Amino acid sequence: MTKVLITPRSLSAGTHPKLKALENRGYALVYPTPGATPQEADLIKVIPGCIGWIAGVEPVSDAVINAADKLVAISRNGTGIDNLPMEAINARGIIVKRAQGTNARGVAELALSLIRCRYPLRSMAPRHRVGNLRCRNRYYWIGSDWSRTGRDVLGPRCQGHRV
């Protein structure tokens, strides 16, 4: 049976509906450490025979890639590839795909929230009423969805775009 290695903590519980679609197509899904970040020894033990790998944030060494005898593709659950040994991967002809832009809104919201905490921008502060009091709560934005506020992003090539 064709094996696919699944290492992101968010997917390794095995309950995501898209993973069921892979199983329905005949792939055997391998979860080395469900709910935890796998270590190098865990990866070396399970990667032989896997043709695909949905990789998380775990650091990957040359030894892991060398143990991957049948690996054809790595799909990163995110955009960064700095934790992958690209020299070894390219030498083996393994394809690396990234999930670009999937978390862009969350990253933008976090960046603006951190800017908001560092520089109290009065014009961006939310104004709401509690009874007859008008409130400006410094920590209101943390954990909030900026897209619901109607705020626009200002900056080069971003003017008018929504967060």
N, C-alpha and C. Protein backbone atom coordinates (compact mmCIF):
# COMPACT_ATOMS: atom_id res chain seq x y z
N MET A 1 0.84 -1.19 0.00
CA MET A 1 0.00 0.00 0.00
C MET A 1 0.89 1.25 0.00
N THR A 2 0.49 2.27 -0.71
CA THR A 2 1.23 3.53 -0.81
C THR A 2 1.05 4.33 0.47
N LYS A 3 2.18 4.78 1.07
CA LYS A 3 2.13 5.47 2.36
C LYS A 3 2.41 6.96 2.21
N VAL A 4 1.69 7.74 3.02
CA VAL A 4 1.90 9.19 3.10
C VAL A 4 2.13 9.53 4.57
N LEU A 5 3.22 10.23 4.84
CA LEU A 5 3.58 10.62 6.19
C LEU A 5 2.88 11.94 6.54
N ILE A 6 2.23 11.99 7.70
CA ILE A 6 1.52 13.19 8.18
C ILE A 6 2.15 13.61 9.50
N THR A 7 2.80 14.79 9.53
CA THR A 7 3.46 15.20 10.77
C THR A 7 2.96 16.49 11.43
N PRO A 8 2.18 17.35 10.77
CA PRO A 8 1.70 18.54 11.50
C PRO A 8 0.83 18.15 12.70
N ARG A 9 1.05 18.82 13.81
CA ARG A 9 0.27 18.51 15.02
C ARG A 9 -1.22 18.66 14.77
N SER A 10 -1.58 19.66 13.97
CA SER A 10 -3.00 19.93 13.73
C SER A 10 -3.67 18.84 12.90
N LEU A 11 -2.90 18.08 12.15
CA LEU A 11 -3.46 17.03 11.31
C LEU A 11 -3.21 15.62 11.83
N SER A 12 -2.27 15.49 12.76
CA SER A 12 -1.84 14.15 13.16
C SER A 12 -2.84 13.41 14.05
N ALA A 13 -3.92 14.07 14.45
CA ALA A 13 -4.96 13.35 15.19
C ALA A 13 -5.75 12.44 14.24
N GLY A 14 -5.65 12.71 12.93
CA GLY A 14 -6.29 11.86 11.94
C GLY A 14 -7.77 12.09 11.73
N THR A 15 -8.29 13.20 12.23
CA THR A 15 -9.74 13.43 12.12
C THR A 15 -10.12 14.42 11.04
N HIS A 16 -9.16 14.98 10.34
CA HIS A 16 -9.46 15.98 9.31
C HIS A 16 -10.14 15.29 8.12
N PRO A 17 -11.24 15.86 7.61
CA PRO A 17 -11.98 15.21 6.52
C PRO A 17 -11.17 15.04 5.23
N LYS A 18 -10.24 15.94 4.95
CA LYS A 18 -9.42 15.82 3.75
C LYS A 18 -8.49 14.60 3.84
N LEU A 19 -8.10 14.24 5.04
CA LEU A 19 -7.27 13.05 5.21
C LEU A 19 -8.06 11.78 4.90
N LYS A 20 -9.34 11.80 5.21
CA LYS A 20 -10.20 10.65 4.88
C LYS A 20 -10.26 10.46 3.37
N ALA A 21 -10.22 11.58 2.63
CA ALA A 21 -10.24 11.50 1.17
C ALA A 21 -8.99 10.79 0.65
N LEU A 22 -7.85 11.03 1.29
CA LEU A 22 -6.62 10.31 0.91
C LEU A 22 -6.76 8.82 1.18
N GLU A 23 -7.30 8.49 2.34
CA GLU A 23 -7.49 7.07 2.67
C GLU A 23 -8.45 6.39 1.69
N ASN A 24 -9.50 7.11 1.29
CA ASN A 24 -10.46 6.55 0.34
C ASN A 24 -9.83 6.27 -1.02
N ARG A 25 -8.75 6.99 -1.33
CA ARG A 25 -8.05 6.77 -2.60
C ARG A 25 -6.97 5.71 -2.49
N GLY A 26 -6.88 5.07 -1.35
CA GLY A 26 -5.96 3.94 -1.20
C GLY A 26 -4.63 4.25 -0.55
N TYR A 27 -4.44 5.44 -0.03
CA TYR A 27 -3.19 5.78 0.65
C TYR A 27 -3.27 5.37 2.12
N ALA A 28 -2.19 4.81 2.61
CA ALA A 28 -2.07 4.50 4.04
C ALA A 28 -1.41 5.70 4.70
N LEU A 29 -2.08 6.31 5.67
CA LEU A 29 -1.55 7.49 6.34
C LEU A 29 -0.76 7.08 7.57
N VAL A 30 0.44 7.66 7.69
CA VAL A 30 1.35 7.32 8.78
C VAL A 30 1.48 8.54 9.68
N TYR A 31 1.18 8.36 10.98
CA TYR A 31 1.26 9.43 11.97
C TYR A 31 2.32 9.01 13.00
N PRO A 32 3.55 9.54 12.93
CA PRO A 32 4.59 9.07 13.85
C PRO A 32 4.35 9.45 15.30
N THR A 33 3.90 10.68 15.55
CA THR A 33 3.68 11.15 16.92
C THR A 33 2.41 12.00 16.95
N PRO A 34 1.25 11.38 17.01
CA PRO A 34 0.00 12.16 16.98
C PRO A 34 -0.06 13.23 18.07
N GLY A 35 -0.35 14.47 17.63
CA GLY A 35 -0.49 15.58 18.57
C GLY A 35 0.81 16.17 19.07
N ALA A 36 1.95 15.69 18.58
CA ALA A 36 3.25 16.19 19.02
C ALA A 36 4.17 16.37 17.82
N THR A 37 5.20 17.17 18.00
CA THR A 37 6.18 17.36 16.93
C THR A 37 7.15 16.19 16.95
N PRO A 38 7.30 15.48 15.82
CA PRO A 38 8.20 14.33 15.79
C PRO A 38 9.67 14.74 15.83
N GLN A 39 10.47 13.91 16.43
CA GLN A 39 11.92 14.11 16.48
C GLN A 39 12.57 13.37 15.31
N GLU A 40 13.83 13.60 15.10
CA GLU A 40 14.55 12.99 13.99
C GLU A 40 14.45 11.46 14.01
N ALA A 41 14.62 10.85 15.17
CA ALA A 41 14.55 9.38 15.28
C ALA A 41 13.17 8.86 14.88
N ASP A 42 12.12 9.58 15.26
CA ASP A 42 10.75 9.19 14.89
C ASP A 42 10.58 9.21 13.37
N LEU A 43 11.10 10.26 12.74
CA LEU A 43 10.96 10.40 11.30
C LEU A 43 11.76 9.33 10.55
N ILE A 44 12.98 9.07 11.00
CA ILE A 44 13.81 8.05 10.34
C ILE A 44 13.17 6.68 10.43
N LYS A 45 12.47 6.42 11.51
CA LYS A 45 11.83 5.12 11.70
C LYS A 45 10.64 4.91 10.76
N VAL A 46 9.87 5.98 10.47
CA VAL A 46 8.62 5.80 9.72
C VAL A 46 8.68 6.22 8.25
N ILE A 47 9.69 6.98 7.85
CA ILE A 47 9.68 7.52 6.49
C ILE A 47 10.04 6.52 5.39
N PRO A 48 10.78 5.45 5.66
CA PRO A 48 11.03 4.51 4.57
C PRO A 48 9.73 3.94 4.01
N GLY A 49 9.60 3.97 2.68
CA GLY A 49 8.41 3.46 2.02
C GLY A 49 7.34 4.51 1.76
N CYS A 50 7.49 5.71 2.32
CA CYS A 50 6.50 6.78 2.11
C CYS A 50 6.80 7.49 0.79
N ILE A 51 5.77 7.69 -0.02
CA ILE A 51 5.96 8.42 -1.28
C ILE A 51 5.64 9.91 -1.13
N GLY A 52 4.86 10.25 -0.11
CA GLY A 52 4.49 11.63 0.13
C GLY A 52 4.63 11.99 1.59
N TRP A 53 4.77 13.29 1.84
CA TRP A 53 4.92 13.75 3.22
C TRP A 53 4.26 15.12 3.35
N ILE A 54 3.25 15.20 4.20
CA ILE A 54 2.68 16.49 4.58
C ILE A 54 3.44 16.89 5.84
N ALA A 55 4.37 17.84 5.67
CA ALA A 55 5.32 18.18 6.73
C ALA A 55 4.83 19.37 7.54
N GLY A 56 5.13 19.33 8.82
CA GLY A 56 4.80 20.43 9.72
C GLY A 56 6.00 21.32 9.95
N VAL A 57 6.16 21.78 11.18
CA VAL A 57 7.24 22.71 11.51
C VAL A 57 8.48 22.01 12.04
N GLU A 58 8.47 20.70 12.10
CA GLU A 58 9.60 19.97 12.64
C GLU A 58 10.85 20.15 11.79
N PRO A 59 12.01 20.28 12.44
CA PRO A 59 13.25 20.37 11.67
C PRO A 59 13.55 19.02 11.02
N VAL A 60 14.02 19.09 9.79
CA VAL A 60 14.32 17.88 9.03
C VAL A 60 15.81 17.88 8.69
N SER A 61 16.46 16.77 8.97
CA SER A 61 17.90 16.67 8.72
C SER A 61 18.17 15.90 7.42
N ASP A 62 19.42 15.93 6.99
CA ASP A 62 19.84 15.15 5.83
C ASP A 62 19.60 13.67 6.06
N ALA A 63 19.78 13.21 7.30
CA ALA A 63 19.58 11.79 7.63
C ALA A 63 18.14 11.35 7.36
N VAL A 64 17.19 12.22 7.64
CA VAL A 64 15.78 11.89 7.40
C VAL A 64 15.54 11.76 5.89
N ILE A 65 16.07 12.69 5.11
CA ILE A 65 15.89 12.63 3.66
C ILE A 65 16.58 11.41 3.08
N ASN A 66 17.75 11.07 3.59
CA ASN A 66 18.47 9.87 3.12
C ASN A 66 17.70 8.59 3.44
N ALA A 67 16.95 8.58 4.53
CA ALA A 67 16.16 7.41 4.91
C ALA A 67 14.89 7.29 4.07
N ALA A 68 14.51 8.35 3.40
CA ALA A 68 13.28 8.38 2.60
C ALA A 68 13.56 7.77 1.23
N ASP A 69 13.51 6.45 1.16
CA ASP A 69 13.91 5.76 -0.06
C ASP A 69 12.94 5.94 -1.23
N LYS A 70 11.66 6.16 -0.98
CA LYS A 70 10.67 6.28 -2.05
C LYS A 70 10.00 7.64 -2.11
N LEU A 71 10.47 8.59 -1.34
CA LEU A 71 9.80 9.89 -1.24
C LEU A 71 9.85 10.64 -2.57
N VAL A 72 8.68 11.09 -3.02
CA VAL A 72 8.54 11.81 -4.28
C VAL A 72 8.23 13.29 -4.04
N ALA A 73 7.42 13.58 -3.00
CA ALA A 73 6.98 14.96 -2.78
C ALA A 73 6.82 15.26 -1.30
N ILE A 74 7.13 16.51 -0.96
CA ILE A 74 6.90 17.03 0.38
C ILE A 74 5.97 18.23 0.23
N SER A 75 4.89 18.24 0.98
CA SER A 75 3.96 19.37 1.00
C SER A 75 4.07 20.02 2.37
N ARG A 76 4.52 21.27 2.38
CA ARG A 76 4.68 21.98 3.65
C ARG A 76 3.36 22.57 4.09
N ASN A 77 3.02 22.35 5.34
CA ASN A 77 1.83 22.93 5.95
C ASN A 77 2.19 24.34 6.41
N GLY A 78 2.37 25.23 5.45
CA GLY A 78 2.82 26.59 5.69
C GLY A 78 3.70 27.03 4.54
N THR A 79 4.38 28.15 4.70
CA THR A 79 5.17 28.66 3.57
C THR A 79 6.66 28.51 3.75
N GLY A 80 7.14 28.44 4.98
CA GLY A 80 8.58 28.39 5.21
C GLY A 80 9.19 27.04 4.86
N ILE A 81 10.37 27.10 4.28
CA ILE A 81 11.09 25.86 3.99
C ILE A 81 12.49 25.89 4.60
N ASP A 82 12.70 26.82 5.55
CA ASP A 82 14.01 26.94 6.16
C ASP A 82 14.36 25.76 7.07
N ASN A 83 13.39 24.94 7.42
CA ASN A 83 13.67 23.77 8.25
C ASN A 83 13.88 22.50 7.41
N LEU A 84 13.95 22.67 6.09
CA LEU A 84 14.17 21.53 5.19
C LEU A 84 15.58 21.61 4.59
N PRO A 85 16.28 20.48 4.49
CA PRO A 85 17.61 20.48 3.86
C PRO A 85 17.46 20.48 2.34
N MET A 86 17.30 21.66 1.76
CA MET A 86 16.98 21.76 0.34
C MET A 86 18.06 21.18 -0.56
N GLU A 87 19.31 21.23 -0.15
CA GLU A 87 20.38 20.64 -0.96
C GLU A 87 20.16 19.14 -1.14
N ALA A 88 19.90 18.45 -0.05
CA ALA A 88 19.66 17.00 -0.10
C ALA A 88 18.38 16.68 -0.85
N ILE A 89 17.36 17.50 -0.66
CA ILE A 89 16.07 17.29 -1.33
C ILE A 89 16.21 17.47 -2.83
N ASN A 90 16.89 18.54 -3.25
CA ASN A 90 17.09 18.78 -4.67
C ASN A 90 17.96 17.70 -5.31
N ALA A 91 18.97 17.23 -4.59
CA ALA A 91 19.84 16.17 -5.11
C ALA A 91 19.06 14.89 -5.38
N ARG A 92 18.04 14.63 -4.58
CA ARG A 92 17.22 13.42 -4.76
C ARG A 92 16.07 13.63 -5.73
N GLY A 93 15.84 14.88 -6.17
CA GLY A 93 14.75 15.17 -7.10
C GLY A 93 13.38 15.16 -6.46
N ILE A 94 13.32 15.41 -5.17
CA ILE A 94 12.05 15.43 -4.44
C ILE A 94 11.39 16.79 -4.66
N ILE A 95 10.11 16.79 -4.97
CA ILE A 95 9.35 18.02 -5.20
C ILE A 95 8.90 18.57 -3.84
N VAL A 96 9.04 19.88 -3.66
CA VAL A 96 8.57 20.54 -2.44
C VAL A 96 7.50 21.55 -2.84
N LYS A 97 6.33 21.41 -2.26
CA LYS A 97 5.22 22.35 -2.48
C LYS A 97 4.89 23.01 -1.16
N ARG A 98 4.52 24.29 -1.22
CA ARG A 98 4.19 25.05 -0.02
C ARG A 98 2.75 25.53 -0.10
N ALA A 99 2.14 25.68 1.06
CA ALA A 99 0.77 26.19 1.15
C ALA A 99 0.83 27.71 1.27
N GLN A 100 1.20 28.37 0.19
CA GLN A 100 1.38 29.82 0.23
C GLN A 100 0.05 30.54 0.40
N GLY A 101 0.07 31.52 1.28
CA GLY A 101 -1.09 32.38 1.46
C GLY A 101 -2.21 31.81 2.30
N THR A 102 -2.08 30.58 2.78
CA THR A 102 -3.18 29.99 3.52
C THR A 102 -3.40 30.65 4.87
N ASN A 103 -2.36 31.20 5.45
CA ASN A 103 -2.50 31.83 6.75
C ASN A 103 -2.23 33.33 6.68
N ALA A 104 -2.32 33.90 5.48
CA ALA A 104 -1.96 35.30 5.28
C ALA A 104 -2.81 36.24 6.12
N ARG A 105 -4.11 36.02 6.18
CA ARG A 105 -4.97 36.91 6.97
C ARG A 105 -4.62 36.84 8.45
N GLY A 106 -4.38 35.65 8.97
CA GLY A 106 -4.03 35.51 10.37
C GLY A 106 -2.71 36.18 10.71
N VAL A 107 -1.73 36.07 9.81
CA VAL A 107 -0.44 36.72 10.02
C VAL A 107 -0.61 38.24 9.98
N ALA A 108 -1.39 38.74 9.03
CA ALA A 108 -1.64 40.19 8.94
C ALA A 108 -2.32 40.69 10.20
N GLU A 109 -3.31 39.96 10.69
CA GLU A 109 -4.02 40.38 11.89
C GLU A 109 -3.09 40.39 13.10
N LEU A 110 -2.24 39.37 13.20
CA LEU A 110 -1.30 39.32 14.32
C LEU A 110 -0.32 40.47 14.25
N ALA A 111 0.21 40.75 13.06
CA ALA A 111 1.16 41.85 12.90
C ALA A 111 0.52 43.18 13.28
N LEU A 112 -0.68 43.42 12.80
CA LEU A 112 -1.35 44.68 13.14
C LEU A 112 -1.70 44.75 14.62
N SER A 113 -2.04 43.63 15.22
CA SER A 113 -2.33 43.62 16.65
C SER A 113 -1.08 43.94 17.46
N LEU A 114 0.05 43.38 17.04
CA LEU A 114 1.30 43.67 17.75
C LEU A 114 1.71 45.13 17.57
N ILE A 115 1.50 45.67 16.37
CA ILE A 115 1.77 47.09 16.15
C ILE A 115 0.86 47.92 17.04
N ARG A 116 -0.39 47.52 17.12
CA ARG A 116 -1.38 48.23 17.94
C ARG A 116 -0.97 48.23 19.40
N CYS A 117 -0.42 47.14 19.89
CA CYS A 117 0.00 47.07 21.30
C CYS A 117 1.23 47.94 21.55
N ARG A 118 2.12 48.02 20.56
CA ARG A 118 3.35 48.79 20.74
C ARG A 118 3.10 50.29 20.56
N TYR A 119 2.32 50.63 19.56
CA TYR A 119 2.03 52.02 19.26
C TYR A 119 0.53 52.24 19.36
N PRO A 120 0.05 52.82 20.45
CA PRO A 120 -1.39 53.00 20.60
C PRO A 120 -1.94 53.99 19.57
N LEU A 121 -2.42 53.46 18.49
CA LEU A 121 -2.96 54.30 17.42
C LEU A 121 -4.41 54.61 17.74
N ARG A 122 -4.66 55.82 18.18
CA ARG A 122 -5.99 56.20 18.62
C ARG A 122 -7.04 56.05 17.51
N SER A 123 -6.65 56.31 16.29
CA SER A 123 -7.62 56.22 15.20
C SER A 123 -8.03 54.78 14.92
N MET A 124 -7.19 53.81 15.31
CA MET A 124 -7.52 52.42 15.06
C MET A 124 -8.23 51.78 16.25
N ALA A 125 -8.18 52.45 17.40
CA ALA A 125 -8.74 51.87 18.61
C ALA A 125 -10.25 51.71 18.47
N PRO A 126 -10.77 50.60 18.90
CA PRO A 126 -12.21 50.40 18.81
C PRO A 126 -12.95 51.31 19.79
N ARG A 127 -14.08 51.76 19.37
CA ARG A 127 -14.92 52.58 20.24
C ARG A 127 -16.24 51.84 20.42
N HIS A 128 -16.54 51.50 21.61
CA HIS A 128 -17.82 50.86 21.86
C HIS A 128 -18.38 51.40 23.18
N ARG A 129 -19.63 51.18 23.36
CA ARG A 129 -20.28 51.70 24.56
C ARG A 129 -20.63 50.56 25.52
N VAL A 130 -20.38 50.84 26.78
CA VAL A 130 -20.83 49.95 27.84
C VAL A 130 -21.72 50.83 28.71
N GLY A 131 -23.02 50.65 28.57
CA GLY A 131 -23.94 51.57 29.25
C GLY A 131 -23.79 52.95 28.63
N ASN A 132 -23.51 53.96 29.46
CA ASN A 132 -23.30 55.31 28.95
C ASN A 132 -21.81 55.64 28.80
N LEU A 133 -20.93 54.67 29.10
CA LEU A 133 -19.50 54.94 29.03
C LEU A 133 -18.96 54.58 27.66
N ARG A 134 -18.10 55.41 27.15
CA ARG A 134 -17.42 55.12 25.89
C ARG A 134 -16.07 54.51 26.23
N CYS A 135 -15.78 53.34 25.68
CA CYS A 135 -14.57 52.60 26.08
C CYS A 135 -13.56 52.52 24.95
N ARG A 136 -12.31 52.59 25.32
CA ARG A 136 -11.20 52.25 24.43
C ARG A 136 -10.36 51.24 25.21
N ASN A 137 -10.50 50.02 24.88
CA ASN A 137 -9.77 48.98 25.59
C ASN A 137 -8.51 48.64 24.82
N ARG A 138 -7.35 48.81 25.43
CA ARG A 138 -6.06 48.59 24.78
C ARG A 138 -5.92 47.17 24.25
N TYR A 139 -6.50 46.19 24.91
CA TYR A 139 -6.31 44.80 24.51
C TYR A 139 -7.49 44.24 23.73
N TYR A 140 -8.37 45.09 23.28
CA TYR A 140 -9.56 44.64 22.56
C TYR A 140 -9.21 43.89 21.28
N TRP A 141 -8.17 44.31 20.58
CA TRP A 141 -7.85 43.72 19.27
C TRP A 141 -7.24 42.33 19.38
N ILE A 142 -6.60 42.01 20.49
CA ILE A 142 -5.97 40.71 20.61
C ILE A 142 -7.04 39.63 20.58
N GLY A 143 -6.92 38.72 19.64
CA GLY A 143 -7.89 37.66 19.48
C GLY A 143 -9.11 38.06 18.67
N SER A 144 -9.12 39.28 18.12
CA SER A 144 -10.25 39.75 17.33
C SER A 144 -10.04 39.47 15.86
N ASP A 145 -11.11 39.44 15.12
CA ASP A 145 -11.06 39.27 13.68
C ASP A 145 -11.08 40.64 13.04
N TRP A 146 -9.94 41.09 12.52
CA TRP A 146 -9.84 42.44 11.96
C TRP A 146 -10.71 42.62 10.74
N SER A 147 -11.00 41.55 10.02
CA SER A 147 -11.77 41.69 8.79
C SER A 147 -13.18 42.19 9.09
N ARG A 148 -13.67 41.97 10.29
CA ARG A 148 -15.02 42.40 10.65
C ARG A 148 -15.08 43.87 11.06
N THR A 149 -13.93 44.50 11.21
CA THR A 149 -13.91 45.88 11.69
C THR A 149 -14.05 46.88 10.56
N GLY A 150 -13.81 46.43 9.32
CA GLY A 150 -13.88 47.35 8.20
C GLY A 150 -12.64 48.19 8.05
N ARG A 151 -11.56 47.84 8.73
CA ARG A 151 -10.31 48.58 8.61
C ARG A 151 -9.62 48.17 7.32
N ASP A 152 -9.00 49.13 6.67
CA ASP A 152 -8.25 48.87 5.45
C ASP A 152 -6.77 48.87 5.76
N VAL A 153 -6.02 48.17 4.91
CA VAL A 153 -4.57 48.14 5.04
C VAL A 153 -4.02 49.30 4.23
N LEU A 154 -3.10 50.05 4.81
CA LEU A 154 -2.45 51.14 4.10
C LEU A 154 -0.98 50.81 3.95
N GLY A 155 -0.44 51.06 2.79
CA GLY A 155 0.97 50.80 2.55
C GLY A 155 1.19 50.54 1.08
N PRO A 156 2.45 50.38 0.69
CA PRO A 156 2.76 50.17 -0.73
C PRO A 156 2.03 48.96 -1.28
N ARG A 157 1.36 49.12 -2.37
CA ARG A 157 0.67 48.05 -3.09
C ARG A 157 -0.45 47.39 -2.28
N CYS A 158 -0.81 47.94 -1.14
CA CYS A 158 -1.84 47.32 -0.31
C CYS A 158 -3.02 48.25 -0.07
N GLN A 159 -2.96 49.45 -0.57
CA GLN A 159 -3.97 50.42 -0.21
C GLN A 159 -5.36 49.96 -0.60
N GLY A 160 -6.22 49.99 0.38
CA GLY A 160 -7.60 49.60 0.15
C GLY A 160 -7.89 48.13 0.32
N HIS A 161 -6.87 47.31 0.50
CA HIS A 161 -7.12 45.87 0.69
C HIS A 161 -7.58 45.62 2.11
N ARG A 162 -8.43 44.67 2.26
CA ARG A 162 -8.93 44.30 3.57
C ARG A 162 -7.93 43.41 4.30
N VAL A 163 -7.93 43.53 5.61
CA VAL A 163 -7.13 42.63 6.44
C VAL A 163 -7.87 41.34 6.53
